[in-house]
Amino acid sequence: MLYLWLKAFHIIAMVCWFAGLFYLPRLFVYHAMSTDEVSRERFCIMERKLYRGIMWPSLILTVGLGLWLLSLNPSYYFSQGWMHAKLSLVALLVVYQFMCGAQLKAFARGENQRGHVFYRWFNEAPVLALLGIVILVVVRPF
């Protein structure tokens, strides 16, 4: 029963984390397109609150609950190729979140050097990771 509760909360935390991973770069798109100071300040506040208040707690819960789930049967999970691939994608998402944090700080300092088109493409990375993770977990191809 513990396994099912952990799995449920792991999935809930993951959904919250991905909501942030999808939304923050979209805010960067709009922020990069903004021309007035009031809008820029508003975007900085929204980005900071999303990053610190939703994304980090969700990342910590997702990874923490995932590790707890792994600890329940490590010999099985660590012998599965799909799990290694999934964990690699999760590690890339953690790096992506740090990259988002760096962009957030650049915007806050008024030092952003990238345009809205970059952020539109940057926004697609977590979509690809999510597709990979879901396919790996459901299909378990190797």
C-alpha atoms as a PDB file:
ATOM      1  CA  MET A   1       0.000   0.000   0.000  1.00  0.00           C
ATOM      2  CA  LEU A   2       2.897   2.373   0.765  1.00  0.00           C
ATOM      3  CA  TYR A   3       4.181   1.870  -2.787  1.00  0.00           C
ATOM      4  CA  LEU A   4       0.877   3.023  -4.305  1.00  0.00           C
ATOM      5  CA  TRP A   5       0.685   6.129  -2.095  1.00  0.00           C
ATOM      6  CA  LEU A   6       4.267   7.056  -2.907  1.00  0.00           C
ATOM      7  CA  LYS A   7       3.641   6.506  -6.603  1.00  0.00           C
ATOM      8  CA  ALA A   8       0.489   8.657  -6.524  1.00  0.00           C
ATOM      9  CA  PHE A   9       2.262  11.563  -4.814  1.00  0.00           C
ATOM     10  CA  HIS A  10       5.298  11.127  -7.090  1.00  0.00           C
ATOM     11  CA  ILE A  11       3.017  11.560 -10.118  1.00  0.00           C
ATOM     12  CA  ILE A  12       1.221  14.558  -8.558  1.00  0.00           C
ATOM     13  CA  ALA A  13       4.547  16.253  -7.780  1.00  0.00           C
ATOM     14  CA  MET A  14       5.778  15.481 -11.297  1.00  0.00           C
ATOM     15  CA  VAL A  15       2.692  17.091 -12.843  1.00  0.00           C
ATOM     16  CA  CYS A  16       3.284  20.233 -10.744  1.00  0.00           C
ATOM     17  CA  TRP A  17       6.965  20.281 -11.694  1.00  0.00           C
ATOM     18  CA  PHE A  18       6.197  19.959 -15.394  1.00  0.00           C
ATOM     19  CA  ALA A  19       3.603  22.717 -15.147  1.00  0.00           C
ATOM     20  CA  GLY A  20       6.424  24.990 -14.020  1.00  0.00           C
ATOM     21  CA  LEU A  21       8.870  23.632 -16.606  1.00  0.00           C
ATOM     22  CA  PHE A  22       6.334  24.393 -19.333  1.00  0.00           C
ATOM     23  CA  TYR A  23       5.188  27.769 -18.012  1.00  0.00           C
ATOM     24  CA  LEU A  24       8.424  29.487 -16.949  1.00  0.00           C
ATOM     25  CA  PRO A  25      10.002  29.500 -20.433  1.00  0.00           C
ATOM     26  CA  ARG A  26       6.666  30.734 -21.816  1.00  0.00           C
ATOM     27  CA  LEU A  27       6.912  33.643 -19.362  1.00  0.00           C
ATOM     28  CA  PHE A  28      10.429  34.221 -20.706  1.00  0.00           C
ATOM     29  CA  VAL A  29       8.941  34.507 -24.220  1.00  0.00           C
ATOM     30  CA  TYR A  30       6.547  37.221 -23.092  1.00  0.00           C
ATOM     31  CA  HIS A  31       9.196  38.888 -20.933  1.00  0.00           C
ATOM     32  CA  ALA A  32      11.615  39.052 -23.880  1.00  0.00           C
ATOM     33  CA  MET A  33       8.855  40.648 -25.969  1.00  0.00           C
ATOM     34  CA  SER A  34       7.870  43.226 -23.323  1.00  0.00           C
ATOM     35  CA  THR A  35       8.814  46.822 -23.946  1.00  0.00           C
ATOM     36  CA  ASP A  36       7.694  48.718 -20.852  1.00  0.00           C
ATOM     37  CA  GLU A  37       9.266  48.684 -17.401  1.00  0.00           C
ATOM     38  CA  VAL A  38       6.017  47.871 -15.560  1.00  0.00           C
ATOM     39  CA  SER A  39       5.581  44.672 -17.590  1.00  0.00           C
ATOM     40  CA  ARG A  40       9.213  43.685 -17.092  1.00  0.00           C
ATOM     41  CA  GLU A  41       8.926  44.098 -13.326  1.00  0.00           C
ATOM     42  CA  ARG A  42       5.692  42.100 -13.289  1.00  0.00           C
ATOM     43  CA  PHE A  43       7.319  39.274 -15.274  1.00  0.00           C
ATOM     44  CA  CYS A  44      10.283  39.213 -12.891  1.00  0.00           C
ATOM     45  CA  ILE A  45       7.930  38.775  -9.938  1.00  0.00           C
ATOM     46  CA  MET A  46       5.880  36.076 -11.675  1.00  0.00           C
ATOM     47  CA  GLU A  47       9.002  34.188 -12.780  1.00  0.00           C
ATOM     48  CA  ARG A  48      10.595  34.324  -9.334  1.00  0.00           C
ATOM     49  CA  LYS A  49       7.446  33.123  -7.556  1.00  0.00           C
ATOM     50  CA  LEU A  50       6.943  30.277 -10.021  1.00  0.00           C
ATOM     51  CA  TYR A  51      10.585  29.191  -9.832  1.00  0.00           C
ATOM     52  CA  ARG A  52      10.966  29.347  -6.062  1.00  0.00           C
ATOM     53  CA  GLY A  53       7.425  28.620  -4.927  1.00  0.00           C
ATOM     54  CA  ILE A  54       6.354  25.870  -7.308  1.00  0.00           C
ATOM     55  CA  MET A  55       9.214  24.508  -9.370  1.00  0.00           C
ATOM     56  CA  TRP A  56      11.766  23.886  -6.623  1.00  0.00           C
ATOM     57  CA  PRO A  57       9.365  22.295  -4.128  1.00  0.00           C
ATOM     58  CA  SER A  58       7.916  20.155  -6.931  1.00  0.00           C
ATOM     59  CA  LEU A  59      11.368  19.094  -8.129  1.00  0.00           C
ATOM     60  CA  ILE A  60      12.410  18.149  -4.600  1.00  0.00           C
ATOM     61  CA  LEU A  61       9.213  16.155  -4.013  1.00  0.00           C
ATOM     62  CA  THR A  62       9.387  14.458  -7.416  1.00  0.00           C
ATOM     63  CA  VAL A  63      13.007  13.398  -7.012  1.00  0.00           C
ATOM     64  CA  GLY A  64      12.656  12.571  -3.324  1.00  0.00           C
ATOM     65  CA  LEU A  65       9.580  10.403  -3.785  1.00  0.00           C
ATOM     66  CA  GLY A  66      11.145   8.798  -6.853  1.00  0.00           C
ATOM     67  CA  LEU A  67      14.240   7.863  -4.861  1.00  0.00           C
ATOM     68  CA  TRP A  68      12.037   6.495  -2.080  1.00  0.00           C
ATOM     69  CA  LEU A  69      10.207   4.365  -4.645  1.00  0.00           C
ATOM     70  CA  LEU A  70      13.538   3.137  -6.027  1.00  0.00           C
ATOM     71  CA  SER A  71      14.683   2.221  -2.525  1.00  0.00           C
ATOM     72  CA  LEU A  72      11.736  -0.164  -2.133  1.00  0.00           C
ATOM     73  CA  ASN A  73      13.151  -2.520  -4.783  1.00  0.00           C
ATOM     74  CA  PRO A  74      16.559  -1.272  -5.924  1.00  0.00           C
ATOM     75  CA  SER A  75      17.825  -4.576  -7.322  1.00  0.00           C
ATOM     76  CA  TYR A  76      14.916  -4.688  -9.775  1.00  0.00           C
ATOM     77  CA  TYR A  77      14.861  -1.042 -10.849  1.00  0.00           C
ATOM     78  CA  PHE A  78      18.612  -0.631 -11.231  1.00  0.00           C
ATOM     79  CA  SER A  79      18.762  -3.744 -13.414  1.00  0.00           C
ATOM     80  CA  GLN A  80      16.305  -2.215 -15.898  1.00  0.00           C
ATOM     81  CA  GLY A  81      17.663  -0.279 -18.873  1.00  0.00           C
ATOM     82  CA  TRP A  82      14.530   1.833 -19.167  1.00  0.00           C
ATOM     83  CA  MET A  83      15.031   3.079 -15.596  1.00  0.00           C
ATOM     84  CA  HIS A  84      18.581   4.201 -16.366  1.00  0.00           C
ATOM     85  CA  ALA A  85      17.286   6.074 -19.422  1.00  0.00           C
ATOM     86  CA  LYS A  86      14.474   7.643 -17.370  1.00  0.00           C
ATOM     87  CA  LEU A  87      16.863   8.763 -14.644  1.00  0.00           C
ATOM     88  CA  SER A  88      19.128  10.275 -17.306  1.00  0.00           C
ATOM     89  CA  LEU A  89      16.200  12.302 -18.652  1.00  0.00           C
ATOM     90  CA  VAL A  90      15.293  13.416 -15.123  1.00  0.00           C
ATOM     91  CA  ALA A  91      18.904  14.518 -14.580  1.00  0.00           C
ATOM     92  CA  LEU A  92      18.700  16.549 -17.799  1.00  0.00           C
ATOM     93  CA  LEU A  93      15.493  18.162 -16.526  1.00  0.00           C
ATOM     94  CA  VAL A  94      17.245  19.160 -13.308  1.00  0.00           C
ATOM     95  CA  VAL A  95      19.995  20.773 -15.415  1.00  0.00           C
ATOM     96  CA  TYR A  96      17.271  22.458 -17.484  1.00  0.00           C
ATOM     97  CA  GLN A  97      15.760  23.892 -14.308  1.00  0.00           C
ATOM     98  CA  PHE A  98      19.135  25.337 -13.309  1.00  0.00           C
ATOM     99  CA  MET A  99      19.371  26.855 -16.802  1.00  0.00           C
ATOM    100  CA  CYS A 100      15.943  28.409 -16.252  1.00  0.00           C
ATOM    101  CA  GLY A 101      17.224  29.837 -12.975  1.00  0.00           C
ATOM    102  CA  ALA A 102      20.189  31.402 -14.774  1.00  0.00           C
ATOM    103  CA  GLN A 103      17.852  32.965 -17.341  1.00  0.00           C
ATOM    104  CA  LEU A 104      15.583  34.225 -14.563  1.00  0.00           C
ATOM    105  CA  LYS A 105      18.550  35.952 -12.906  1.00  0.00           C
ATOM    106  CA  ALA A 106      19.637  37.482 -16.218  1.00  0.00           C
ATOM    107  CA  PHE A 107      16.159  38.944 -16.705  1.00  0.00           C
ATOM    108  CA  ALA A 108      16.104  40.243 -13.111  1.00  0.00           C
ATOM    109  CA  ARG A 109      19.440  42.034 -13.646  1.00  0.00           C
ATOM    110  CA  GLY A 110      18.277  43.420 -16.993  1.00  0.00           C
ATOM    111  CA  GLU A 111      20.997  41.429 -18.763  1.00  0.00           C
ATOM    112  CA  ASN A 112      18.966  39.075 -20.938  1.00  0.00           C
ATOM    113  CA  GLN A 113      20.665  38.679 -24.316  1.00  0.00           C
ATOM    114  CA  ARG A 114      18.170  36.299 -25.936  1.00  0.00           C
ATOM    115  CA  GLY A 115      15.058  37.017 -27.951  1.00  0.00           C
ATOM    116  CA  HIS A 116      11.599  35.514 -27.751  1.00  0.00           C
ATOM    117  CA  VAL A 117      12.309  33.030 -30.583  1.00  0.00           C
ATOM    118  CA  PHE A 118      15.079  31.397 -28.530  1.00  0.00           C
ATOM    119  CA  TYR A 119      12.714  30.930 -25.596  1.00  0.00           C
ATOM    120  CA  ARG A 120      10.021  29.472 -27.859  1.00  0.00           C
ATOM    121  CA  TRP A 121      12.475  26.720 -28.844  1.00  0.00           C
ATOM    122  CA  PHE A 122      13.911  26.435 -25.327  1.00  0.00           C
ATOM    123  CA  ASN A 123      10.350  25.771 -24.134  1.00  0.00           C
ATOM    124  CA  GLU A 124      10.188  22.537 -26.163  1.00  0.00           C
ATOM    125  CA  ALA A 125      12.927  20.645 -24.277  1.00  0.00           C
ATOM    126  CA  PRO A 126      10.746  19.510 -21.349  1.00  0.00           C
ATOM    127  CA  VAL A 127       8.073  18.327 -23.802  1.00  0.00           C
ATOM    128  CA  LEU A 128      10.583  15.983 -25.425  1.00  0.00           C
ATOM    129  CA  ALA A 129      11.788  14.775 -22.030  1.00  0.00           C
ATOM    130  CA  LEU A 130       8.211  14.124 -20.887  1.00  0.00           C
ATOM    131  CA  LEU A 131       7.461  12.117 -24.023  1.00  0.00           C
ATOM    132  CA  GLY A 132      10.568  10.044 -23.438  1.00  0.00           C
ATOM    133  CA  ILE A 133       9.864   9.468 -19.753  1.00  0.00           C
ATOM    134  CA  VAL A 134       6.241   8.420 -20.273  1.00  0.00           C
ATOM    135  CA  ILE A 135       7.163   6.036 -23.097  1.00  0.00           C
ATOM    136  CA  LEU A 136      10.004   4.536 -21.048  1.00  0.00           C
ATOM    137  CA  VAL A 137       7.855   4.006 -17.951  1.00  0.00           C
ATOM    138  CA  VAL A 138       4.760   2.675 -19.736  1.00  0.00           C
ATOM    139  CA  VAL A 139       6.299   0.663 -22.596  1.00  0.00           C
ATOM    140  CA  ARG A 140       9.569  -0.323 -20.861  1.00  0.00           C
ATOM    141  CA  PRO A 141      11.231  -0.973 -24.225  1.00  0.00           C
ATOM    142  CA  PHE A 142      14.480  -2.320 -22.750  1.00  0.00           C
END
